[in-house]
Amino acid sequence: MSLESSEKMAGVSLVSGLIIGQLVAIGLSFFTATDLTVAITNGAGGGILIGLIPAYLLNEGHITDTKMLVPFSFGWGTFVGILVGLLVAWSRSLPYLVGFSYGASGGMITGAAVGLILWNMVEK
């Protein structure tokens, strides 16, 4: 993979993770009555982590089978979403089960979307 294509992939992954993470977190903030500023900042942070790690592993050659990119992103997004959800629940005095479930679902959505975007880029 050339340097130009790996930089493009990292940039697209960063932007898509950032935007999708924020949109999902804003949507989930309506269910949990969390402030929009908390949702935007946590969604951005989680989305960046969800987006950049699969792109990094793909660029470094640790993911060689492109069919595994979407499941890895899905699982990684779930893990990061759970951590972010628990952090929000702890900081906002919400029940931990609420933070766990909403974080996991938001991370799944973000991870699957970022994985599909990256997979589509690799296949082209």
C-alpha atoms as a PDB file:
ATOM      1  CA  MET A   1       0.000   0.000   0.000  1.00  0.00           C
ATOM      2  CA  SER A   2       1.457   3.345  -0.969  1.00  0.00           C
ATOM      3  CA  LEU A   3       1.992   6.198   1.441  1.00  0.00           C
ATOM      4  CA  GLU A   4      -0.544   8.380  -0.342  1.00  0.00           C
ATOM      5  CA  SER A   5      -3.303   5.780  -0.152  1.00  0.00           C
ATOM      6  CA  SER A   6      -2.537   5.008   3.503  1.00  0.00           C
ATOM      7  CA  GLU A   7      -2.724   8.718   4.374  1.00  0.00           C
ATOM      8  CA  LYS A   8      -6.012   8.992   2.492  1.00  0.00           C
ATOM      9  CA  MET A   9      -7.378   5.947   4.310  1.00  0.00           C
ATOM     10  CA  ALA A  10      -6.354   7.337   7.701  1.00  0.00           C
ATOM     11  CA  GLY A  11      -7.925  10.694   6.887  1.00  0.00           C
ATOM     12  CA  VAL A  12     -11.197   9.191   5.713  1.00  0.00           C
ATOM     13  CA  SER A  13     -11.273   6.901   8.735  1.00  0.00           C
ATOM     14  CA  LEU A  14     -10.642   9.812  11.109  1.00  0.00           C
ATOM     15  CA  VAL A  15     -13.328  12.020   9.592  1.00  0.00           C
ATOM     16  CA  SER A  16     -15.904   9.246   9.257  1.00  0.00           C
ATOM     17  CA  GLY A  17     -15.315   8.047  12.826  1.00  0.00           C
ATOM     18  CA  LEU A  18     -15.552  11.596  14.118  1.00  0.00           C
ATOM     19  CA  ILE A  19     -18.775  12.440  12.293  1.00  0.00           C
ATOM     20  CA  ILE A  20     -20.527   9.109  12.815  1.00  0.00           C
ATOM     21  CA  GLY A  21     -19.478   8.972  16.476  1.00  0.00           C
ATOM     22  CA  GLN A  22     -20.859  12.440  17.109  1.00  0.00           C
ATOM     23  CA  LEU A  23     -24.120  11.762  15.301  1.00  0.00           C
ATOM     24  CA  VAL A  24     -24.698   8.506  17.157  1.00  0.00           C
ATOM     25  CA  ALA A  25     -23.854  10.121  20.496  1.00  0.00           C
ATOM     26  CA  ILE A  26     -26.199  13.041  19.809  1.00  0.00           C
ATOM     27  CA  GLY A  27     -28.973  10.577  19.000  1.00  0.00           C
ATOM     28  CA  LEU A  28     -28.297   8.609  22.164  1.00  0.00           C
ATOM     29  CA  SER A  29     -28.241  11.772  24.272  1.00  0.00           C
ATOM     30  CA  PHE A  30     -31.954  12.184  23.682  1.00  0.00           C
ATOM     31  CA  PHE A  31     -32.612   8.807  25.314  1.00  0.00           C
ATOM     32  CA  THR A  32     -30.360   9.373  28.304  1.00  0.00           C
ATOM     33  CA  ALA A  33     -31.077  13.100  28.820  1.00  0.00           C
ATOM     34  CA  THR A  34     -27.349  13.834  28.638  1.00  0.00           C
ATOM     35  CA  ASP A  35     -26.119  17.305  27.711  1.00  0.00           C
ATOM     36  CA  LEU A  36     -25.331  17.783  24.048  1.00  0.00           C
ATOM     37  CA  THR A  37     -21.838  19.028  24.839  1.00  0.00           C
ATOM     38  CA  VAL A  38     -21.084  15.821  26.718  1.00  0.00           C
ATOM     39  CA  ALA A  39     -22.501  13.765  23.857  1.00  0.00           C
ATOM     40  CA  ILE A  40     -20.562  15.636  21.196  1.00  0.00           C
ATOM     41  CA  THR A  41     -17.220  15.460  22.979  1.00  0.00           C
ATOM     42  CA  ASN A  42     -17.533  11.817  24.027  1.00  0.00           C
ATOM     43  CA  GLY A  43     -18.880  10.827  20.622  1.00  0.00           C
ATOM     44  CA  ALA A  44     -15.991  12.564  18.925  1.00  0.00           C
ATOM     45  CA  GLY A  45     -13.401  10.914  21.145  1.00  0.00           C
ATOM     46  CA  GLY A  46     -14.929   7.481  20.805  1.00  0.00           C
ATOM     47  CA  GLY A  47     -15.413   7.897  17.062  1.00  0.00           C
ATOM     48  CA  ILE A  48     -11.793   8.892  16.556  1.00  0.00           C
ATOM     49  CA  LEU A  49     -10.580   5.830  18.484  1.00  0.00           C
ATOM     50  CA  ILE A  50     -12.996   3.584  16.637  1.00  0.00           C
ATOM     51  CA  GLY A  51     -11.954   4.982  13.268  1.00  0.00           C
ATOM     52  CA  LEU A  52      -8.194   5.188  13.557  1.00  0.00           C
ATOM     53  CA  ILE A  53      -7.267   1.828  15.079  1.00  0.00           C
ATOM     54  CA  PRO A  54      -8.651  -0.307  12.203  1.00  0.00           C
ATOM     55  CA  ALA A  55      -7.043   2.027   9.654  1.00  0.00           C
ATOM     56  CA  TYR A  56      -3.723   1.821  11.492  1.00  0.00           C
ATOM     57  CA  LEU A  57      -3.821  -1.979  11.683  1.00  0.00           C
ATOM     58  CA  LEU A  58      -4.738  -2.183   8.017  1.00  0.00           C
ATOM     59  CA  ASN A  59      -1.940   0.178   6.976  1.00  0.00           C
ATOM     60  CA  GLU A  60       0.640  -1.690   9.075  1.00  0.00           C
ATOM     61  CA  GLY A  61      -0.362  -5.014   7.537  1.00  0.00           C
ATOM     62  CA  HIS A  62      -1.760  -6.588  10.712  1.00  0.00           C
ATOM     63  CA  ILE A  63      -5.116  -7.119   8.990  1.00  0.00           C
ATOM     64  CA  THR A  64      -4.315  -8.913   5.756  1.00  0.00           C
ATOM     65  CA  ASP A  65      -7.724 -10.398   4.994  1.00  0.00           C
ATOM     66  CA  THR A  66      -9.964  -7.473   4.078  1.00  0.00           C
ATOM     67  CA  LYS A  67     -13.059  -9.529   4.888  1.00  0.00           C
ATOM     68  CA  MET A  68     -12.062  -9.312   8.569  1.00  0.00           C
ATOM     69  CA  LEU A  69     -12.017  -5.518   8.544  1.00  0.00           C
ATOM     70  CA  VAL A  70     -15.733  -5.062   9.183  1.00  0.00           C
ATOM     71  CA  PRO A  71     -16.006  -7.636  12.027  1.00  0.00           C
ATOM     72  CA  PHE A  72     -12.892  -6.238  13.684  1.00  0.00           C
ATOM     73  CA  SER A  73     -14.227  -2.677  13.447  1.00  0.00           C
ATOM     74  CA  PHE A  74     -17.579  -3.868  14.772  1.00  0.00           C
ATOM     75  CA  GLY A  75     -15.976  -5.546  17.796  1.00  0.00           C
ATOM     76  CA  TRP A  76     -13.503  -2.724  18.415  1.00  0.00           C
ATOM     77  CA  GLY A  77     -16.333  -0.193  18.214  1.00  0.00           C
ATOM     78  CA  THR A  78     -18.346  -2.190  20.736  1.00  0.00           C
ATOM     79  CA  PHE A  79     -15.405  -2.299  23.148  1.00  0.00           C
ATOM     80  CA  VAL A  80     -14.677   1.420  22.872  1.00  0.00           C
ATOM     81  CA  GLY A  81     -18.388   2.241  23.076  1.00  0.00           C
ATOM     82  CA  ILE A  82     -18.737   0.271  26.301  1.00  0.00           C
ATOM     83  CA  LEU A  83     -15.804   2.111  27.853  1.00  0.00           C
ATOM     84  CA  VAL A  84     -17.111   5.522  26.776  1.00  0.00           C
ATOM     85  CA  GLY A  85     -20.650   4.639  27.899  1.00  0.00           C
ATOM     86  CA  LEU A  86     -19.451   3.570  31.335  1.00  0.00           C
ATOM     87  CA  LEU A  87     -17.386   6.730  31.619  1.00  0.00           C
ATOM     88  CA  VAL A  88     -20.398   8.903  30.781  1.00  0.00           C
ATOM     89  CA  ALA A  89     -22.588   6.951  33.207  1.00  0.00           C
ATOM     90  CA  TRP A  90     -20.026   7.400  35.966  1.00  0.00           C
ATOM     91  CA  SER A  91     -19.525  11.109  35.323  1.00  0.00           C
ATOM     92  CA  ARG A  92     -23.255  11.888  34.982  1.00  0.00           C
ATOM     93  CA  SER A  93     -24.509   9.610  37.788  1.00  0.00           C
ATOM     94  CA  LEU A  94     -26.496   7.438  35.402  1.00  0.00           C
ATOM     95  CA  PRO A  95     -27.031   3.737  36.035  1.00  0.00           C
ATOM     96  CA  TYR A  96     -24.059   1.762  34.746  1.00  0.00           C
ATOM     97  CA  LEU A  97     -26.308  -0.594  32.827  1.00  0.00           C
ATOM     98  CA  VAL A  98     -27.647   2.372  30.861  1.00  0.00           C
ATOM     99  CA  GLY A  99     -24.123   3.532  30.043  1.00  0.00           C
ATOM    100  CA  PHE A 100     -23.066   0.013  29.120  1.00  0.00           C
ATOM    101  CA  SER A 101     -25.996  -0.707  26.822  1.00  0.00           C
ATOM    102  CA  TYR A 102     -26.147   2.651  25.080  1.00  0.00           C
ATOM    103  CA  GLY A 103     -22.365   2.798  24.746  1.00  0.00           C
ATOM    104  CA  ALA A 104     -22.236  -0.694  23.287  1.00  0.00           C
ATOM    105  CA  SER A 105     -24.988   0.006  20.769  1.00  0.00           C
ATOM    106  CA  GLY A 106     -23.456   3.334  19.762  1.00  0.00           C
ATOM    107  CA  GLY A 107     -20.041   1.734  19.394  1.00  0.00           C
ATOM    108  CA  MET A 108     -21.467  -1.096  17.296  1.00  0.00           C
ATOM    109  CA  ILE A 109     -23.127   1.335  14.917  1.00  0.00           C
ATOM    110  CA  THR A 110     -20.039   3.510  14.616  1.00  0.00           C
ATOM    111  CA  GLY A 111     -17.676   0.557  14.250  1.00  0.00           C
ATOM    112  CA  ALA A 112     -19.787  -1.142  11.599  1.00  0.00           C
ATOM    113  CA  ALA A 113     -20.127   2.067   9.600  1.00  0.00           C
ATOM    114  CA  VAL A 114     -16.414   2.874   9.767  1.00  0.00           C
ATOM    115  CA  GLY A 115     -15.528  -0.731   8.917  1.00  0.00           C
ATOM    116  CA  LEU A 116     -17.789  -0.677   5.873  1.00  0.00           C
ATOM    117  CA  ILE A 117     -16.299   2.615   4.706  1.00  0.00           C
ATOM    118  CA  LEU A 118     -12.742   1.289   5.087  1.00  0.00           C
ATOM    119  CA  TRP A 119     -13.612  -2.017   3.449  1.00  0.00           C
ATOM    120  CA  ASN A 120     -15.159  -0.156   0.520  1.00  0.00           C
ATOM    121  CA  MET A 121     -11.981   1.913   0.143  1.00  0.00           C
ATOM    122  CA  VAL A 122      -9.746  -1.153   0.187  1.00  0.00           C
ATOM    123  CA  GLU A 123     -11.854  -3.044  -2.332  1.00  0.00           C
ATOM    124  CA  LYS A 124     -11.736  -0.187  -4.880  1.00  0.00           C
END
